[in-house]
N, C-alpha and C. Protein backbone atom coordinates (compact mmCIF):
# COMPACT_ATOMS: atom_id res chain seq x y z
N MET A 1 -31.55 15.01 -2.95
CA MET A 1 -30.13 15.48 -3.22
C MET A 1 -29.58 15.14 -1.92
N PRO A 2 -28.22 14.92 -1.78
CA PRO A 2 -27.47 15.00 -0.60
C PRO A 2 -27.07 16.78 -0.76
N THR A 3 -26.73 16.57 0.75
CA THR A 3 -26.46 18.33 0.94
C THR A 3 -25.16 18.16 0.69
N LYS A 4 -24.45 19.60 0.33
CA LYS A 4 -22.77 19.39 0.15
C LYS A 4 -22.18 19.11 1.07
N GLN A 5 -22.53 18.95 2.57
CA GLN A 5 -21.84 18.45 4.15
C GLN A 5 -22.11 16.98 3.80
N GLN A 6 -23.33 16.38 3.57
CA GLN A 6 -23.17 14.74 3.09
C GLN A 6 -22.41 14.32 2.17
N VAL A 7 -22.30 15.11 0.75
CA VAL A 7 -21.27 14.82 -0.29
C VAL A 7 -19.62 14.97 0.64
N GLU A 8 -19.65 16.12 1.74
CA GLU A 8 -18.17 15.98 2.06
C GLU A 8 -17.72 14.71 2.90
N GLN A 9 -18.68 14.83 3.91
CA GLN A 9 -18.69 13.76 4.63
C GLN A 9 -18.28 12.34 4.14
N HIS A 10 -19.02 11.78 3.00
CA HIS A 10 -18.88 10.99 2.30
C HIS A 10 -17.59 10.62 1.42
N ALA A 11 -17.04 11.62 1.09
CA ALA A 11 -15.29 12.05 0.72
C ALA A 11 -15.13 11.64 1.30
N GLY A 12 -15.03 12.29 2.91
CA GLY A 12 -13.98 12.00 3.96
C GLY A 12 -14.00 10.34 4.50
N GLU A 13 -15.58 9.97 4.50
CA GLU A 13 -14.97 7.98 4.80
C GLU A 13 -14.71 7.82 3.92
N GLU A 14 -14.57 7.90 2.61
CA GLU A 14 -13.95 6.82 1.66
C GLU A 14 -12.56 6.59 1.86
N LYS A 15 -12.13 8.08 2.11
CA LYS A 15 -10.52 8.48 1.94
C LYS A 15 -10.41 8.00 3.24
N GLN A 16 -10.69 7.97 3.97
CA GLN A 16 -10.46 6.94 5.31
C GLN A 16 -10.19 5.43 5.02
N GLU A 17 -11.33 4.87 4.43
CA GLU A 17 -11.69 3.60 4.06
C GLU A 17 -10.14 3.32 3.33
N GLY A 18 -10.10 4.09 1.83
CA GLY A 18 -8.79 3.77 1.29
C GLY A 18 -7.18 3.78 2.15
N GLN A 19 -7.45 5.00 2.99
CA GLN A 19 -5.91 4.48 3.53
C GLN A 19 -6.35 3.78 4.44
N HIS A 20 -6.83 3.10 4.74
CA HIS A 20 -6.56 1.86 5.70
C HIS A 20 -6.78 0.29 4.95
N LEU A 21 -7.63 0.71 3.49
CA LEU A 21 -6.80 -0.73 2.85
C LEU A 21 -5.80 -0.39 2.41
N ASP A 22 -5.08 1.07 2.18
CA ASP A 22 -3.75 1.02 1.67
C ASP A 22 -2.67 0.58 3.14
N ALA A 23 -2.83 0.03 4.05
CA ALA A 23 -2.25 -0.01 5.25
C ALA A 23 -1.72 -1.38 5.39
N VAL A 24 -3.14 -1.50 4.99
CA VAL A 24 -3.58 -3.55 5.03
C VAL A 24 -2.33 -3.83 4.37
N ILE A 25 -2.75 -3.34 2.51
CA ILE A 25 -2.08 -4.12 2.01
C ILE A 25 -0.43 -3.90 2.39
N GLY A 26 -0.33 -2.31 2.77
CA GLY A 26 1.27 -2.72 2.89
C GLY A 26 2.10 -3.41 3.94
N GLU A 27 0.81 -4.03 5.06
CA GLU A 27 1.66 -5.34 5.89
C GLU A 27 1.53 -5.89 5.32
N HIS A 28 0.47 -6.82 4.32
CA HIS A 28 0.42 -7.76 3.85
C HIS A 28 1.98 -8.25 3.13
N VAL A 29 2.44 -7.30 2.60
CA VAL A 29 3.51 -7.10 1.72
C VAL A 29 4.62 -7.43 2.81
N LEU A 30 4.49 -6.33 3.27
CA LEU A 30 5.67 -6.74 4.29
C LEU A 30 5.62 -8.28 5.18
N HIS A 31 4.74 -8.35 5.79
CA HIS A 31 4.76 -9.81 5.70
C HIS A 31 5.37 -11.02 4.88
N ALA A 32 5.04 -10.77 3.71
CA ALA A 32 5.04 -11.54 3.15
C ALA A 32 6.49 -11.72 2.46
N LEU A 33 7.48 -10.06 2.62
CA LEU A 33 8.52 -10.19 2.47
C LEU A 33 9.78 -10.35 3.26
N GLY A 34 9.00 -10.08 4.62
CA GLY A 34 10.24 -9.58 5.55
C GLY A 34 10.53 -7.99 5.84
N ARG A 35 10.51 -7.95 6.85
CA ARG A 35 10.78 -6.30 6.98
C ARG A 35 12.36 -5.84 7.35
N PRO A 36 12.79 -5.12 6.59
CA PRO A 36 14.25 -4.56 6.43
C PRO A 36 14.64 -4.35 7.26
N SER A 37 15.92 -4.04 7.76
CA SER A 37 16.03 -3.55 8.97
C SER A 37 16.37 -1.88 9.06
N ASP A 38 16.55 -1.85 7.28
CA ASP A 38 16.90 -0.09 7.24
C ASP A 38 15.09 0.41 6.59
N LEU A 39 14.25 -0.24 7.05
CA LEU A 39 12.91 -0.01 6.08
C LEU A 39 12.69 1.37 6.75
N GLN A 40 12.24 2.08 5.12
CA GLN A 40 11.57 4.06 5.95
C GLN A 40 10.69 4.06 6.09
N ARG A 41 9.61 3.13 4.53
CA ARG A 41 7.96 3.67 4.38
C ARG A 41 7.90 2.46 3.25
N VAL A 42 6.99 2.07 3.28
CA VAL A 42 5.97 1.60 2.43
C VAL A 42 4.94 2.27 1.46
N GLU A 43 5.40 2.32 0.54
CA GLU A 43 4.00 3.41 -0.08
C GLU A 43 3.13 2.53 -1.27
N VAL A 44 2.03 2.69 -0.96
CA VAL A 44 1.02 2.18 -1.77
C VAL A 44 0.07 3.00 -2.57
N ARG A 45 -0.17 2.73 -3.73
CA ARG A 45 -0.61 3.34 -4.61
C ARG A 45 -1.97 2.55 -5.62
N ARG A 46 -2.90 3.64 -5.43
CA ARG A 46 -4.14 2.71 -6.04
C ARG A 46 -3.89 3.17 -7.77
N LEU A 47 -3.71 2.00 -8.91
CA LEU A 47 -3.84 2.47 -9.77
C LEU A 47 -5.27 2.37 -10.51
N TRP A 48 -5.88 1.57 -10.48
CA TRP A 48 -7.25 1.10 -10.68
C TRP A 48 -8.22 -0.07 -10.39
N LYS A 49 -9.21 0.35 -9.84
CA LYS A 49 -10.48 -1.12 -9.45
C LYS A 49 -9.19 -1.32 -8.23
N ASP A 50 -8.66 -2.77 -8.26
CA ASP A 50 -8.14 -3.57 -7.20
C ASP A 50 -6.96 -3.65 -7.76
N HIS A 51 -6.09 -2.84 -8.80
CA HIS A 51 -4.85 -2.75 -8.81
C HIS A 51 -4.18 -1.79 -7.93
N TYR A 52 -2.99 -2.03 -7.96
CA TYR A 52 -2.34 -1.11 -6.45
C TYR A 52 -0.40 -1.55 -7.63
N ARG A 53 0.28 -0.45 -7.29
CA ARG A 53 1.67 -0.46 -7.38
C ARG A 53 2.31 0.33 -5.47
N VAL A 54 3.14 -1.06 -5.04
CA VAL A 54 3.57 -0.90 -4.13
C VAL A 54 5.01 -1.03 -4.08
N ASN A 55 5.73 0.49 -3.32
CA ASN A 55 7.07 0.34 -3.62
C ASN A 55 7.63 0.23 -2.04
N VAL A 56 8.74 0.01 -1.35
CA VAL A 56 9.31 -0.76 -0.52
C VAL A 56 10.42 0.34 -0.32
N PHE A 57 10.47 1.36 0.55
CA PHE A 57 11.70 2.07 0.92
C PHE A 57 12.42 1.81 1.46
N VAL A 58 13.93 1.83 1.58
CA VAL A 58 15.16 1.75 2.72
C VAL A 58 16.31 2.69 2.89
N GLY A 59 16.60 2.83 3.98
CA GLY A 59 17.73 3.68 3.65
C GLY A 59 17.82 4.01 5.20
N ALA A 60 19.22 4.10 5.13
CA ALA A 60 20.04 4.22 6.78
C ALA A 60 19.12 5.42 7.33
N VAL A 61 19.66 6.94 6.36
CA VAL A 61 18.66 8.12 6.74
C VAL A 61 17.58 8.65 5.76
N ALA A 62 16.89 9.75 6.44
CA ALA A 62 15.37 9.98 5.47
C ALA A 62 16.23 10.09 4.36
N GLY A 63 17.45 11.32 3.84
CA GLY A 63 17.63 12.08 2.73
C GLY A 63 18.63 10.70 1.78
N SER A 64 18.81 9.41 2.26
CA SER A 64 19.32 8.58 1.36
C SER A 64 18.07 7.44 0.71
N THR A 65 17.05 7.58 0.95
CA THR A 65 16.41 6.71 0.61
C THR A 65 16.19 6.21 -0.81
N ARG A 66 16.01 4.72 -1.31
CA ARG A 66 15.60 3.99 -2.35
C ARG A 66 14.65 3.11 -2.02
N VAL A 67 14.50 2.81 -3.37
CA VAL A 67 13.22 1.72 -3.32
C VAL A 67 14.06 0.27 -3.66
N ALA A 68 13.67 -0.32 -2.61
CA ALA A 68 14.64 -1.48 -2.37
C ALA A 68 13.61 -2.78 -3.27
N HIS A 69 12.27 -2.53 -3.51
CA HIS A 69 11.22 -3.78 -3.86
C HIS A 69 10.34 -3.04 -4.55
N SER A 70 9.40 -3.49 -5.18
CA SER A 70 8.48 -2.52 -6.21
C SER A 70 7.56 -3.40 -7.05
N TYR A 71 6.43 -3.41 -6.33
CA TYR A 71 5.60 -4.29 -6.95
C TYR A 71 4.33 -4.27 -7.60
N PHE A 72 3.54 -4.94 -8.83
CA PHE A 72 2.26 -4.54 -8.69
C PHE A 72 1.41 -5.26 -8.39
N LEU A 73 0.08 -5.27 -7.81
CA LEU A 73 -0.44 -5.92 -7.38
C LEU A 73 -1.81 -6.11 -7.75
N VAL A 74 -2.30 -6.87 -7.31
CA VAL A 74 -4.01 -7.38 -7.61
C VAL A 74 -4.54 -7.59 -6.01
N ALA A 75 -5.68 -6.67 -5.38
CA ALA A 75 -5.75 -7.16 -3.70
C ALA A 75 -7.38 -6.97 -4.14
N ASP A 76 -7.86 -8.10 -2.96
CA ASP A 76 -9.37 -7.97 -2.76
C ASP A 76 -9.80 -6.91 -1.77
N GLY A 77 -11.15 -6.53 -1.90
CA GLY A 77 -11.59 -5.22 -0.57
C GLY A 77 -10.80 -5.43 0.93
N GLU A 78 -10.38 -6.66 1.13
CA GLU A 78 -9.62 -6.93 2.43
C GLU A 78 -8.34 -6.65 2.17
N GLY A 79 -7.70 -6.22 1.28
CA GLY A 79 -6.41 -6.27 1.37
C GLY A 79 -5.60 -7.12 1.32
N ASN A 80 -6.35 -8.36 0.85
CA ASN A 80 -5.12 -9.98 1.08
C ASN A 80 -4.75 -9.57 -0.75
N VAL A 81 -3.61 -9.77 -1.14
CA VAL A 81 -3.01 -9.96 -2.36
C VAL A 81 -3.43 -10.96 -2.79
N ALA A 82 -3.99 -11.22 -4.25
CA ALA A 82 -4.47 -12.00 -4.84
C ALA A 82 -3.35 -12.65 -5.97
N GLU A 83 -2.82 -11.61 -6.46
CA GLU A 83 -1.37 -11.41 -7.47
C GLU A 83 -0.70 -10.48 -7.10
N SER A 84 0.99 -11.02 -7.71
CA SER A 84 1.98 -9.80 -7.76
C SER A 84 2.46 -10.21 -8.51
N THR A 85 3.16 -8.79 -9.34
CA THR A 85 4.49 -9.06 -10.36
C THR A 85 5.85 -8.34 -9.68
N PRO A 86 6.69 -8.34 -9.81
CA PRO A 86 7.22 -9.71 -9.77
C PRO A 86 6.55 -10.52 -8.27
N LYS A 87 6.67 -11.49 -8.47
CA LYS A 87 5.95 -12.36 -6.74
C LYS A 87 6.97 -12.09 -5.56
N ILE A 88 6.37 -11.52 -4.86
CA ILE A 88 7.25 -11.69 -3.39
C ILE A 88 7.64 -12.89 -2.96
N THR A 89 8.40 -12.87 -2.80
CA THR A 89 9.30 -13.85 -1.66
C THR A 89 10.33 -13.30 -0.52
N ARG A 90 10.40 -14.23 0.67
CA ARG A 90 10.60 -13.55 1.51
C ARG A 90 12.17 -13.14 1.66
N GLN A 91 12.54 -12.28 1.94
CA GLN A 91 13.79 -11.86 1.45
C GLN A 91 14.16 -11.25 2.78
N TYR A 92 13.89 -11.14 3.88
CA TYR A 92 14.46 -10.65 4.81
C TYR A 92 14.33 -11.55 6.43
């Protein structure tokens, strides 16, 4: 039976892997979309298994950000986007 420390360490490693995968997915989206000049952030949320919601926030200042693009994605374990609704098209 694993110790509490081992369980916590494993949970920490899984969280880091998830954050890395989120960053890779966000970069893939920006590569396909282009990078808005007023980009604030890209938010990647895992919905279940390999399904994600990605929101691209833009705005001149932090207090006036808005969601400019929003996608439901299916991505593999490497962060490659297999499907996107709506389809990601080059905008910038």
